[in-house]
Amino acid sequence: MTTVLIGKAAPAFTALSTFGEITLKQCVGRGVVLYFYPKDNTPGCTTETENFRDLHDQFLAQTCVVIGVSRDSLKSHENFSKKLELPFPLIADTDEVVCNTYGVIKLKQMYGKQVRGIERSTFLIDARGKLVQAWRGVKVPGHAQEVLQAASSLT
């Protein structure tokens, strides 16, 4: 696992998304909102993704791209993206490479059993590729708005 430190270069990645192959390097010159969520089509993840979608034009106005990441398959992401009419890519991190790079895989309790899963997390990266802010253990209500507010400091 790579160490993710505020003020340092965000860990690079190359991954398959609903927009084709995507790399962090492609985003240099723009801010990046990289958000990790547990699973497509679940209530909290749907709401979070809708919130980022609804604020997408405002993120673009801040010269920020939004990228969602989960362990779901590309097919699942394509269906989820189409259903929600998403204007931004979703990375299909089925092998957990990006998740492990950003340290978001955690042991969680589900129905009384410990399972490995994604801790809902968001990372804000500036136009030079430096990690500016990280939110871990995210609660969905108001989160996308909070990230937008932080993104406004990038410009």
C-alpha atoms as a PDB file:
ATOM      1  CA  MET A   1       0.000   0.000   0.000  1.00  0.00           C
ATOM      2  CA  THR A   2       1.225   3.460  -0.902  1.00  0.00           C
ATOM      3  CA  THR A   3       1.286   6.126   1.778  1.00  0.00           C
ATOM      4  CA  VAL A   4      -1.214   8.870   1.013  1.00  0.00           C
ATOM      5  CA  LEU A   5      -0.061  12.148   2.571  1.00  0.00           C
ATOM      6  CA  ILE A   6      -1.590  15.605   2.405  1.00  0.00           C
ATOM      7  CA  GLY A   7       0.783  17.998   0.642  1.00  0.00           C
ATOM      8  CA  LYS A   8       2.576  15.213  -1.242  1.00  0.00           C
ATOM      9  CA  ALA A   9       2.023  13.882  -4.757  1.00  0.00           C
ATOM     10  CA  ALA A  10      -1.175  11.857  -5.019  1.00  0.00           C
ATOM     11  CA  PRO A  11      -0.452   8.217  -5.867  1.00  0.00           C
ATOM     12  CA  ALA A  12      -0.548   7.630  -9.621  1.00  0.00           C
ATOM     13  CA  PHE A  13      -2.930   5.101 -11.120  1.00  0.00           C
ATOM     14  CA  THR A  14      -4.042   3.690 -14.442  1.00  0.00           C
ATOM     15  CA  ALA A  15      -7.428   1.985 -14.478  1.00  0.00           C
ATOM     16  CA  LEU A  16     -10.333   0.978 -16.675  1.00  0.00           C
ATOM     17  CA  SER A  17     -13.396   3.211 -16.386  1.00  0.00           C
ATOM     18  CA  THR A  18     -16.725   3.841 -18.048  1.00  0.00           C
ATOM     19  CA  PHE A  19     -14.835   6.443 -20.155  1.00  0.00           C
ATOM     20  CA  GLY A  20     -12.069   3.994 -21.134  1.00  0.00           C
ATOM     21  CA  GLU A  21      -8.598   3.803 -19.602  1.00  0.00           C
ATOM     22  CA  ILE A  22      -7.944   6.680 -17.236  1.00  0.00           C
ATOM     23  CA  THR A  23      -4.789   7.823 -15.466  1.00  0.00           C
ATOM     24  CA  LEU A  24      -4.155  10.460 -12.846  1.00  0.00           C
ATOM     25  CA  LYS A  25      -1.514  11.901 -15.166  1.00  0.00           C
ATOM     26  CA  GLN A  26      -4.243  12.699 -17.750  1.00  0.00           C
ATOM     27  CA  CYS A  27      -5.808  15.047 -15.204  1.00  0.00           C
ATOM     28  CA  VAL A  28      -2.749  17.278 -14.637  1.00  0.00           C
ATOM     29  CA  GLY A  29      -3.829  20.875 -15.066  1.00  0.00           C
ATOM     30  CA  ARG A  30      -7.201  20.226 -13.428  1.00  0.00           C
ATOM     31  CA  GLY A  31      -8.226  19.460  -9.889  1.00  0.00           C
ATOM     32  CA  VAL A  32      -9.439  15.923  -9.224  1.00  0.00           C
ATOM     33  CA  VAL A  33     -12.162  14.714  -6.893  1.00  0.00           C
ATOM     34  CA  LEU A  34     -11.484  10.993  -6.479  1.00  0.00           C
ATOM     35  CA  TYR A  35     -14.234   9.364  -4.447  1.00  0.00           C
ATOM     36  CA  PHE A  36     -14.366   5.741  -3.356  1.00  0.00           C
ATOM     37  CA  TYR A  37     -17.683   4.085  -2.561  1.00  0.00           C
ATOM     38  CA  PRO A  38     -18.636   0.530  -1.542  1.00  0.00           C
ATOM     39  CA  LYS A  39     -21.147  -0.668  -4.155  1.00  0.00           C
ATOM     40  CA  ASP A  40     -23.230   0.368  -7.152  1.00  0.00           C
ATOM     41  CA  ASN A  41     -27.012   0.523  -6.716  1.00  0.00           C
ATOM     42  CA  THR A  42     -27.033   0.621  -2.920  1.00  0.00           C
ATOM     43  CA  PRO A  43     -28.910   3.456  -1.191  1.00  0.00           C
ATOM     44  CA  GLY A  44     -25.962   5.414   0.272  1.00  0.00           C
ATOM     45  CA  CYS A  45     -23.748   4.978  -2.778  1.00  0.00           C
ATOM     46  CA  THR A  46     -26.551   5.971  -5.147  1.00  0.00           C
ATOM     47  CA  THR A  47     -27.263   9.116  -3.114  1.00  0.00           C
ATOM     48  CA  GLU A  48     -23.572  10.045  -2.916  1.00  0.00           C
ATOM     49  CA  THR A  49     -23.107   9.550  -6.661  1.00  0.00           C
ATOM     50  CA  GLU A  50     -26.267  11.553  -7.430  1.00  0.00           C
ATOM     51  CA  ASN A  51     -24.950  14.368  -5.217  1.00  0.00           C
ATOM     52  CA  PHE A  52     -21.656  14.496  -7.132  1.00  0.00           C
ATOM     53  CA  ARG A  53     -23.616  14.336 -10.406  1.00  0.00           C
ATOM     54  CA  ASP A  54     -25.913  17.192  -9.382  1.00  0.00           C
ATOM     55  CA  LEU A  55     -22.904  19.382  -8.517  1.00  0.00           C
ATOM     56  CA  HIS A  56     -20.852  18.311 -11.540  1.00  0.00           C
ATOM     57  CA  ASP A  57     -21.226  21.602 -13.443  1.00  0.00           C
ATOM     58  CA  GLN A  58     -20.048  23.473 -10.356  1.00  0.00           C
ATOM     59  CA  PHE A  59     -17.004  21.180 -10.055  1.00  0.00           C
ATOM     60  CA  LEU A  60     -16.236  21.849 -13.741  1.00  0.00           C
ATOM     61  CA  ALA A  61     -16.513  25.574 -13.045  1.00  0.00           C
ATOM     62  CA  GLN A  62     -13.757  25.043 -10.428  1.00  0.00           C
ATOM     63  CA  THR A  63     -11.717  23.234 -13.131  1.00  0.00           C
ATOM     64  CA  CYS A  64     -12.193  19.922 -11.296  1.00  0.00           C
ATOM     65  CA  VAL A  65     -12.938  16.510 -12.692  1.00  0.00           C
ATOM     66  CA  VAL A  66     -14.914  13.999 -10.655  1.00  0.00           C
ATOM     67  CA  ILE A  67     -14.011  10.298 -10.725  1.00  0.00           C
ATOM     68  CA  GLY A  68     -15.832   7.572  -8.792  1.00  0.00           C
ATOM     69  CA  VAL A  69     -14.178   4.283  -7.808  1.00  0.00           C
ATOM     70  CA  SER A  70     -15.544   0.986  -6.512  1.00  0.00           C
ATOM     71  CA  ARG A  71     -14.767  -2.716  -6.855  1.00  0.00           C
ATOM     72  CA  ASP A  72     -17.801  -3.320  -9.089  1.00  0.00           C
ATOM     73  CA  SER A  73     -17.364  -4.630 -12.624  1.00  0.00           C
ATOM     74  CA  LEU A  74     -17.258  -2.371 -15.648  1.00  0.00           C
ATOM     75  CA  LYS A  75     -20.647  -3.787 -16.724  1.00  0.00           C
ATOM     76  CA  SER A  76     -22.156  -2.887 -13.332  1.00  0.00           C
ATOM     77  CA  HIS A  77     -20.641   0.601 -13.599  1.00  0.00           C
ATOM     78  CA  GLU A  78     -21.955   1.066 -17.133  1.00  0.00           C
ATOM     79  CA  ASN A  79     -25.494   0.195 -15.986  1.00  0.00           C
ATOM     80  CA  PHE A  80     -25.206   2.384 -12.867  1.00  0.00           C
ATOM     81  CA  SER A  81     -23.799   5.262 -14.918  1.00  0.00           C
ATOM     82  CA  LYS A  82     -26.544   4.995 -17.524  1.00  0.00           C
ATOM     83  CA  LYS A  83     -29.292   4.757 -14.886  1.00  0.00           C
ATOM     84  CA  LEU A  84     -28.013   7.880 -13.088  1.00  0.00           C
ATOM     85  CA  GLU A  85     -26.983   9.686 -16.312  1.00  0.00           C
ATOM     86  CA  LEU A  86     -23.488  10.339 -14.979  1.00  0.00           C
ATOM     87  CA  PRO A  87     -21.325  12.931 -16.747  1.00  0.00           C
ATOM     88  CA  PHE A  88     -18.134  11.587 -15.118  1.00  0.00           C
ATOM     89  CA  PRO A  89     -16.287   8.251 -15.184  1.00  0.00           C
ATOM     90  CA  LEU A  90     -16.502   5.372 -12.733  1.00  0.00           C
ATOM     91  CA  ILE A  91     -13.392   3.236 -12.302  1.00  0.00           C
ATOM     92  CA  ALA A  92     -13.965  -0.517 -12.135  1.00  0.00           C
ATOM     93  CA  ASP A  93     -11.298  -1.480  -9.582  1.00  0.00           C
ATOM     94  CA  THR A  94     -12.137  -5.185  -9.511  1.00  0.00           C
ATOM     95  CA  ASP A  95      -8.563  -6.131  -8.572  1.00  0.00           C
ATOM     96  CA  GLU A  96      -8.468  -3.448  -5.811  1.00  0.00           C
ATOM     97  CA  VAL A  97      -5.257  -1.853  -7.128  1.00  0.00           C
ATOM     98  CA  VAL A  98      -6.482   1.755  -6.874  1.00  0.00           C
ATOM     99  CA  CYS A  99      -8.318   1.027  -3.599  1.00  0.00           C
ATOM    100  CA  ASN A 100      -5.171  -0.429  -2.057  1.00  0.00           C
ATOM    101  CA  THR A 101      -3.031   2.410  -3.423  1.00  0.00           C
ATOM    102  CA  TYR A 102      -5.245   4.897  -1.578  1.00  0.00           C
ATOM    103  CA  GLY A 103      -5.664   2.689   1.506  1.00  0.00           C
ATOM    104  CA  VAL A 104      -9.450   2.521   1.459  1.00  0.00           C
ATOM    105  CA  ILE A 105      -9.920  -1.233   1.936  1.00  0.00           C
ATOM    106  CA  LYS A 106     -10.910  -1.872   5.549  1.00  0.00           C
ATOM    107  CA  LEU A 107     -12.377  -4.621   7.690  1.00  0.00           C
ATOM    108  CA  LYS A 108     -16.028  -3.782   8.299  1.00  0.00           C
ATOM    109  CA  GLN A 109     -18.895  -5.393  10.173  1.00  0.00           C
ATOM    110  CA  MET A 110     -21.767  -6.679   8.046  1.00  0.00           C
ATOM    111  CA  TYR A 111     -24.539  -8.725   9.601  1.00  0.00           C
ATOM    112  CA  GLY A 112     -22.253  -9.561  12.521  1.00  0.00           C
ATOM    113  CA  LYS A 113     -19.368 -10.805  10.341  1.00  0.00           C
ATOM    114  CA  GLN A 114     -16.099  -9.102   9.483  1.00  0.00           C
ATOM    115  CA  VAL A 115     -15.757  -8.450   5.756  1.00  0.00           C
ATOM    116  CA  ARG A 116     -13.251  -6.532   3.662  1.00  0.00           C
ATOM    117  CA  GLY A 117     -14.798  -3.545   1.991  1.00  0.00           C
ATOM    118  CA  ILE A 118     -14.284  -0.001   0.828  1.00  0.00           C
ATOM    119  CA  GLU A 119     -14.331   2.694   3.475  1.00  0.00           C
ATOM    120  CA  ARG A 120     -16.240   5.555   1.845  1.00  0.00           C
ATOM    121  CA  SER A 121     -13.464   8.096   1.173  1.00  0.00           C
ATOM    122  CA  THR A 122     -12.785  11.126  -1.007  1.00  0.00           C
ATOM    123  CA  PHE A 123      -9.479  12.676  -2.052  1.00  0.00           C
ATOM    124  CA  LEU A 124      -9.038  16.184  -3.447  1.00  0.00           C
ATOM    125  CA  ILE A 125      -6.014  16.564  -5.715  1.00  0.00           C
ATOM    126  CA  ASP A 126      -4.818  19.897  -7.100  1.00  0.00           C
ATOM    127  CA  ALA A 127      -3.894  20.686 -10.722  1.00  0.00           C
ATOM    128  CA  ARG A 128      -0.239  19.776 -10.062  1.00  0.00           C
ATOM    129  CA  GLY A 129      -1.175  16.329  -8.753  1.00  0.00           C
ATOM    130  CA  LYS A 130      -0.672  17.151  -5.065  1.00  0.00           C
ATOM    131  CA  LEU A 131      -3.075  15.731  -2.484  1.00  0.00           C
ATOM    132  CA  VAL A 132      -4.817  18.682  -0.846  1.00  0.00           C
ATOM    133  CA  GLN A 133      -7.434  17.037   1.359  1.00  0.00           C
ATOM    134  CA  ALA A 134      -8.732  13.590   2.302  1.00  0.00           C
ATOM    135  CA  TRP A 135     -12.028  12.563   3.840  1.00  0.00           C
ATOM    136  CA  ARG A 136     -12.293   9.054   5.301  1.00  0.00           C
ATOM    137  CA  GLY A 137     -15.274   7.324   6.845  1.00  0.00           C
ATOM    138  CA  VAL A 138     -17.495   9.725   4.896  1.00  0.00           C
ATOM    139  CA  LYS A 139     -21.131  10.289   5.821  1.00  0.00           C
ATOM    140  CA  VAL A 140     -23.115  11.002   2.648  1.00  0.00           C
ATOM    141  CA  PRO A 141     -25.374  13.930   3.679  1.00  0.00           C
ATOM    142  CA  GLY A 142     -23.679  17.212   2.726  1.00  0.00           C
ATOM    143  CA  HIS A 143     -20.410  15.536   1.695  1.00  0.00           C
ATOM    144  CA  ALA A 144     -20.379  16.455  -2.014  1.00  0.00           C
ATOM    145  CA  GLN A 145     -21.164  20.075  -1.089  1.00  0.00           C
ATOM    146  CA  GLU A 146     -18.272  20.065   1.429  1.00  0.00           C
ATOM    147  CA  VAL A 147     -15.905  18.738  -1.260  1.00  0.00           C
ATOM    148  CA  LEU A 148     -17.119  21.418  -3.687  1.00  0.00           C
ATOM    149  CA  GLN A 149     -16.413  24.066  -1.069  1.00  0.00           C
ATOM    150  CA  ALA A 150     -12.871  22.711  -0.608  1.00  0.00           C
ATOM    151  CA  ALA A 151     -12.394  22.542  -4.390  1.00  0.00           C
ATOM    152  CA  SER A 152     -13.161  26.247  -4.650  1.00  0.00           C
ATOM    153  CA  SER A 153      -9.871  26.912  -2.836  1.00  0.00           C
ATOM    154  CA  LEU A 154      -7.935  25.258  -5.681  1.00  0.00           C
ATOM    155  CA  THR A 155      -8.607  28.027  -8.197  1.00  0.00           C
END
